[in-house]
Each structure stands twice: as structure tokens, then as C-alpha cells.
Amino acid sequence: MTPISLNINGNAHTVEVEDRALLADVLRDNLKMTGTHIGCDTSQCGCCTILMNGDAVKSCTVLAVQANGAQITTIEGLAKGPDLHPIQVAFSQCHGLQCGFCTPGMIMATAGLLSNTPQPTDAQIHEGLSGNLCRCTGYIHIVESVKQAAKTLQEMQA
């Protein structure tokens, strides 16, 4: 077992993990952050997307020991208390979710995209979400959600 330190959603955590433990499993099983979903076990679906040091990553592709010392944001940490993040609000208002299973990963991928590209084009949105699969929607509402979130975030900064 190897001790690692993580800053998750602004809180320090120290946890002992096996060297082969995936970050997604540590988040869910050890730290009970079940908003990070595991959908495929092959890094294809993106349901486990989180922000690690500000970048959107699939937590099922990261060994927990590789994340030692990292700043991590999960879907649980995006909202500030009872106030949803503008991305979460946009997904709700624009109907960018159906069953909700892929939604945490889509929202976290959107957060990563908008932090690097505040006013994305349609092509940039499609590229930014290309590693995330939704089995329920045709993506039209998801893309609209990203556009609305970008607009809201820009208005908040003005």
C-alpha cells in the first residue's frame, strides 16, 4: 500500500492505495465520491471525467499514485454549496441530460473545455466532448448546454 495525498474539491485527503488502483475507484470506493461514474472500464465513455490540475481527464485512465499531490475537482465540487455551477444550470435548462449517467462526465468535460476555450465554436465543442458518450440523447441538447454555459460564464465575467 502506498500513501497518497490529494486535494479534492478544496479538501485535503490522504489515503493508502494499491499501486495498481485507478483514481476512479479510489474516488468512488475509498472516498465515497460516487458522482464520478464508471461506465465502460475501457476509457471509452468519459463518465469518469474529472478535472485534475485544471485539465479534464478520464479518472479510469489514471493510477491513483500518479495523482499524488494533484488538485482534483469532481462533480461534487463544482457547485458552491446549494448553488449549482452555471454549467450544471445550463445542462438542466437546456435539457442536456436524460438518464443522467453520463452527465457528470459531460459537465466536467465542459468545465475543462470552457476553462481553456471560453467561447468555443461548434467544432471545438464537438472536439471537447468527443471522449464522452451519451447513450440517450442525440447530443443536440448537450451542445446547446455547453453554448449556454459559455454565454453565462462570459456574462458573469463582464
C-alpha atoms as a PDB file:
ATOM      1  CA  MET A   1       0.000   0.000   0.000  1.00  0.00           C
ATOM      2  CA  THR A   2       1.186   3.480  -0.853  1.00  0.00           C
ATOM      3  CA  PRO A   3       0.011   6.637   0.919  1.00  0.00           C
ATOM      4  CA  ILE A   4      -1.041   9.457  -1.412  1.00  0.00           C
ATOM      5  CA  SER A   5      -2.239  12.983  -0.773  1.00  0.00           C
ATOM      6  CA  LEU A   6      -4.955  14.545  -2.897  1.00  0.00           C
ATOM      7  CA  ASN A   7      -6.712  17.887  -2.732  1.00  0.00           C
ATOM      8  CA  ILE A   8     -10.242  17.065  -3.809  1.00  0.00           C
ATOM      9  CA  ASN A   9     -12.820  19.810  -4.140  1.00  0.00           C
ATOM     10  CA  GLY A  10     -10.708  22.005  -1.873  1.00  0.00           C
ATOM     11  CA  ASN A  11     -10.282  19.396   0.868  1.00  0.00           C
ATOM     12  CA  ALA A  12      -7.063  17.559   1.685  1.00  0.00           C
ATOM     13  CA  HIS A  13      -7.238  13.770   1.694  1.00  0.00           C
ATOM     14  CA  THR A  14      -4.595  11.178   2.500  1.00  0.00           C
ATOM     15  CA  VAL A  15      -5.400   7.641   1.521  1.00  0.00           C
ATOM     16  CA  GLU A  16      -3.437   4.398   1.231  1.00  0.00           C
ATOM     17  CA  VAL A  17      -3.845   2.730  -2.140  1.00  0.00           C
ATOM     18  CA  GLU A  18      -2.530  -0.245  -4.003  1.00  0.00           C
ATOM     19  CA  ASP A  19      -0.073   0.797  -6.690  1.00  0.00           C
ATOM     20  CA  ARG A  20      -2.432  -0.538  -9.368  1.00  0.00           C
ATOM     21  CA  ALA A  21      -5.550   1.245  -8.047  1.00  0.00           C
ATOM     22  CA  LEU A  22      -7.291   3.514 -10.521  1.00  0.00           C
ATOM     23  CA  LEU A  23      -8.148   7.039  -9.465  1.00  0.00           C
ATOM     24  CA  ALA A  24     -11.815   6.460 -10.394  1.00  0.00           C
ATOM     25  CA  ASP A  25     -12.006   3.520  -7.997  1.00  0.00           C
ATOM     26  CA  VAL A  26     -10.270   5.422  -5.193  1.00  0.00           C
ATOM     27  CA  LEU A  27     -12.659   8.361  -5.610  1.00  0.00           C
ATOM     28  CA  ARG A  28     -15.710   6.108  -5.541  1.00  0.00           C
ATOM     29  CA  ASP A  29     -14.713   3.320  -3.171  1.00  0.00           C
ATOM     30  CA  ASN A  30     -12.288   4.926  -0.746  1.00  0.00           C
ATOM     31  CA  LEU A  31     -13.586   8.494  -0.676  1.00  0.00           C
ATOM     32  CA  LYS A  32     -17.284   7.814  -1.451  1.00  0.00           C
ATOM     33  CA  MET A  33     -17.435  10.392  -4.258  1.00  0.00           C
ATOM     34  CA  THR A  34     -19.914   8.421  -6.311  1.00  0.00           C
ATOM     35  CA  GLY A  35     -20.717  11.241  -8.724  1.00  0.00           C
ATOM     36  CA  THR A  36     -17.710  10.045 -10.702  1.00  0.00           C
ATOM     37  CA  HIS A  37     -19.322   7.254 -12.682  1.00  0.00           C
ATOM     38  CA  ILE A  38     -17.669   4.222 -14.226  1.00  0.00           C
ATOM     39  CA  GLY A  39     -19.435   3.212 -17.398  1.00  0.00           C
ATOM     40  CA  CYS A  40     -17.156   1.111 -19.540  1.00  0.00           C
ATOM     41  CA  ASP A  41     -13.893   0.165 -17.785  1.00  0.00           C
ATOM     42  CA  THR A  42     -12.090   0.837 -21.091  1.00  0.00           C
ATOM     43  CA  SER A  43     -11.776   4.669 -21.099  1.00  0.00           C
ATOM     44  CA  GLN A  44     -14.220   4.967 -23.985  1.00  0.00           C
ATOM     45  CA  CYS A  45     -17.292   6.556 -22.378  1.00  0.00           C
ATOM     46  CA  GLY A  46     -15.955   9.503 -20.358  1.00  0.00           C
ATOM     47  CA  CYS A  47     -18.408   9.043 -17.465  1.00  0.00           C
ATOM     48  CA  CYS A  48     -15.482   9.220 -15.047  1.00  0.00           C
ATOM     49  CA  THR A  49     -14.180  12.593 -16.271  1.00  0.00           C
ATOM     50  CA  ILE A  50     -12.831  14.882 -13.554  1.00  0.00           C
ATOM     51  CA  LEU A  51     -10.580  17.926 -13.501  1.00  0.00           C
ATOM     52  CA  MET A  52      -7.033  17.155 -12.424  1.00  0.00           C
ATOM     53  CA  ASN A  53      -4.842  20.216 -12.035  1.00  0.00           C
ATOM     54  CA  GLY A  54      -7.410  22.040 -14.170  1.00  0.00           C
ATOM     55  CA  ASP A  55      -7.449  19.589 -17.065  1.00  0.00           C
ATOM     56  CA  ALA A  56     -10.325  17.268 -17.912  1.00  0.00           C
ATOM     57  CA  VAL A  57      -9.108  13.680 -17.580  1.00  0.00           C
ATOM     58  CA  LYS A  58     -10.752  10.289 -17.502  1.00  0.00           C
ATOM     59  CA  SER A  59     -10.080   9.097 -13.970  1.00  0.00           C
ATOM     60  CA  CYS A  60     -10.235   5.464 -15.084  1.00  0.00           C
ATOM     61  CA  THR A  61      -7.025   6.063 -17.073  1.00  0.00           C
ATOM     62  CA  VAL A  62      -5.046   7.493 -14.143  1.00  0.00           C
ATOM     63  CA  LEU A  63      -3.411   5.403 -11.474  1.00  0.00           C
ATOM     64  CA  ALA A  64      -4.160   6.894  -8.071  1.00  0.00           C
ATOM     65  CA  VAL A  65      -0.431   7.073  -7.307  1.00  0.00           C
ATOM     66  CA  GLN A  66       0.006   9.237 -10.432  1.00  0.00           C
ATOM     67  CA  ALA A  67      -2.425  11.741  -8.919  1.00  0.00           C
ATOM     68  CA  ASN A  68      -0.413  12.123  -5.723  1.00  0.00           C
ATOM     69  CA  GLY A  69      -0.340  15.838  -4.864  1.00  0.00           C
ATOM     70  CA  ALA A  70      -2.907  16.750  -7.520  1.00  0.00           C
ATOM     71  CA  GLN A  71      -5.715  19.276  -7.295  1.00  0.00           C
ATOM     72  CA  ILE A  72      -8.868  17.386  -8.250  1.00  0.00           C
ATOM     73  CA  THR A  73     -12.376  18.640  -8.881  1.00  0.00           C
ATOM     74  CA  THR A  74     -15.200  16.144  -9.141  1.00  0.00           C
ATOM     75  CA  ILE A  75     -18.830  16.826  -9.984  1.00  0.00           C
ATOM     76  CA  GLU A  76     -19.488  17.074  -6.231  1.00  0.00           C
ATOM     77  CA  GLY A  77     -17.122  20.047  -6.009  1.00  0.00           C
ATOM     78  CA  LEU A  78     -18.342  22.040  -8.990  1.00  0.00           C
ATOM     79  CA  ALA A  79     -21.318  23.606  -7.208  1.00  0.00           C
ATOM     80  CA  LYS A  80     -20.720  26.017  -4.357  1.00  0.00           C
ATOM     81  CA  GLY A  81     -22.940  24.750  -1.577  1.00  0.00           C
ATOM     82  CA  PRO A  82     -26.578  24.754  -2.680  1.00  0.00           C
ATOM     83  CA  ASP A  83     -25.810  26.984  -5.693  1.00  0.00           C
ATOM     84  CA  LEU A  84     -25.286  24.999  -8.860  1.00  0.00           C
ATOM     85  CA  HIS A  85     -22.420  25.930 -11.146  1.00  0.00           C
ATOM     86  CA  PRO A  86     -23.532  27.720 -14.356  1.00  0.00           C
ATOM     87  CA  ILE A  87     -22.603  24.615 -16.364  1.00  0.00           C
ATOM     88  CA  GLN A  88     -24.914  22.485 -14.213  1.00  0.00           C
ATOM     89  CA  VAL A  89     -27.688  25.083 -14.580  1.00  0.00           C
ATOM     90  CA  ALA A  90     -27.241  25.140 -18.372  1.00  0.00           C
ATOM     91  CA  PHE A  91     -27.446  21.353 -18.625  1.00  0.00           C
ATOM     92  CA  SER A  92     -30.681  21.452 -16.648  1.00  0.00           C
ATOM     93  CA  GLN A  93     -32.233  24.373 -18.532  1.00  0.00           C
ATOM     94  CA  CYS A  94     -31.240  23.142 -21.984  1.00  0.00           C
ATOM     95  CA  HIS A  95     -32.205  19.509 -21.301  1.00  0.00           C
ATOM     96  CA  GLY A  96     -28.638  18.306 -21.826  1.00  0.00           C
ATOM     97  CA  LEU A  97     -29.343  15.152 -19.869  1.00  0.00           C
ATOM     98  CA  GLN A  98     -31.768  12.306 -19.910  1.00  0.00           C
ATOM     99  CA  CYS A  99     -30.934   9.319 -17.743  1.00  0.00           C
ATOM    100  CA  GLY A 100     -28.108  11.321 -16.148  1.00  0.00           C
ATOM    101  CA  PHE A 101     -25.488   8.584 -16.119  1.00  0.00           C
ATOM    102  CA  CYS A 102     -23.094  10.385 -18.484  1.00  0.00           C
ATOM    103  CA  THR A 103     -23.982  13.841 -17.157  1.00  0.00           C
ATOM    104  CA  PRO A 104     -21.209  14.216 -14.531  1.00  0.00           C
ATOM    105  CA  GLY A 105     -18.580  13.351 -17.126  1.00  0.00           C
ATOM    106  CA  MET A 106     -20.161  15.633 -19.736  1.00  0.00           C
ATOM    107  CA  ILE A 107     -20.304  18.502 -17.252  1.00  0.00           C
ATOM    108  CA  MET A 108     -16.697  18.013 -16.149  1.00  0.00           C
ATOM    109  CA  ALA A 109     -15.529  17.762 -19.782  1.00  0.00           C
ATOM    110  CA  THR A 110     -17.415  21.003 -20.428  1.00  0.00           C
ATOM    111  CA  ALA A 111     -15.716  22.632 -17.443  1.00  0.00           C
ATOM    112  CA  GLY A 112     -12.325  21.642 -18.837  1.00  0.00           C
ATOM    113  CA  LEU A 113     -13.237  22.868 -22.313  1.00  0.00           C
ATOM    114  CA  LEU A 114     -14.583  26.225 -21.151  1.00  0.00           C
ATOM    115  CA  SER A 115     -11.611  26.880 -18.876  1.00  0.00           C
ATOM    116  CA  ASN A 116      -9.310  26.633 -21.900  1.00  0.00           C
ATOM    117  CA  THR A 117     -11.707  27.879 -24.595  1.00  0.00           C
ATOM    118  CA  PRO A 118     -14.234  30.319 -23.093  1.00  0.00           C
ATOM    119  CA  GLN A 119     -16.042  30.960 -26.396  1.00  0.00           C
ATOM    120  CA  PRO A 120     -15.852  27.653 -28.264  1.00  0.00           C
ATOM    121  CA  THR A 121     -17.062  27.124 -31.794  1.00  0.00           C
ATOM    122  CA  ASP A 122     -19.337  24.195 -32.576  1.00  0.00           C
ATOM    123  CA  ALA A 123     -16.313  22.271 -33.850  1.00  0.00           C
ATOM    124  CA  GLN A 124     -14.419  22.959 -30.620  1.00  0.00           C
ATOM    125  CA  ILE A 125     -17.417  21.820 -28.563  1.00  0.00           C
ATOM    126  CA  HIS A 126     -17.654  18.595 -30.553  1.00  0.00           C
ATOM    127  CA  GLU A 127     -13.914  18.023 -30.142  1.00  0.00           C
ATOM    128  CA  GLY A 128     -14.041  18.880 -26.420  1.00  0.00           C
ATOM    129  CA  LEU A 129     -16.805  16.356 -25.816  1.00  0.00           C
ATOM    130  CA  SER A 130     -15.539  13.727 -28.257  1.00  0.00           C
ATOM    131  CA  GLY A 131     -14.263  11.458 -25.482  1.00  0.00           C
ATOM    132  CA  ASN A 132     -17.662  11.343 -23.772  1.00  0.00           C
ATOM    133  CA  LEU A 133     -20.513   9.140 -24.885  1.00  0.00           C
ATOM    134  CA  CYS A 134     -24.205   9.566 -24.206  1.00  0.00           C
ATOM    135  CA  ARG A 135     -26.429   6.607 -24.927  1.00  0.00           C
ATOM    136  CA  CYS A 136     -29.701   8.556 -24.587  1.00  0.00           C
ATOM    137  CA  THR A 137     -29.520  11.851 -26.471  1.00  0.00           C
ATOM    138  CA  GLY A 138     -28.599  12.972 -29.948  1.00  0.00           C
ATOM    139  CA  TYR A 139     -26.121  15.459 -28.440  1.00  0.00           C
ATOM    140  CA  ILE A 140     -28.075  18.486 -29.737  1.00  0.00           C
ATOM    141  CA  HIS A 141     -29.171  19.485 -26.243  1.00  0.00           C
ATOM    142  CA  ILE A 142     -25.726  18.747 -24.809  1.00  0.00           C
ATOM    143  CA  VAL A 143     -24.104  21.094 -27.333  1.00  0.00           C
ATOM    144  CA  GLU A 144     -26.752  23.735 -26.565  1.00  0.00           C
ATOM    145  CA  SER A 145     -25.973  23.308 -22.865  1.00  0.00           C
ATOM    146  CA  VAL A 146     -22.290  23.980 -23.492  1.00  0.00           C
ATOM    147  CA  LYS A 147     -23.131  27.078 -25.545  1.00  0.00           C
ATOM    148  CA  GLN A 148     -25.461  28.388 -22.830  1.00  0.00           C
ATOM    149  CA  ALA A 149     -22.889  27.729 -20.118  1.00  0.00           C
ATOM    150  CA  ALA A 150     -20.220  29.558 -22.138  1.00  0.00           C
ATOM    151  CA  LYS A 151     -22.546  32.521 -22.604  1.00  0.00           C
ATOM    152  CA  THR A 152     -23.461  32.654 -18.914  1.00  0.00           C
ATOM    153  CA  LEU A 153     -19.841  32.390 -17.789  1.00  0.00           C
ATOM    154  CA  GLN A 154     -18.843  35.180 -20.194  1.00  0.00           C
ATOM    155  CA  GLU A 155     -21.649  37.390 -18.868  1.00  0.00           C
ATOM    156  CA  MET A 156     -20.537  36.731 -15.292  1.00  0.00           C
ATOM    157  CA  GLN A 157     -17.006  37.873 -16.135  1.00  0.00           C
ATOM    158  CA  ALA A 158     -18.140  41.055 -17.918  1.00  0.00           C
END
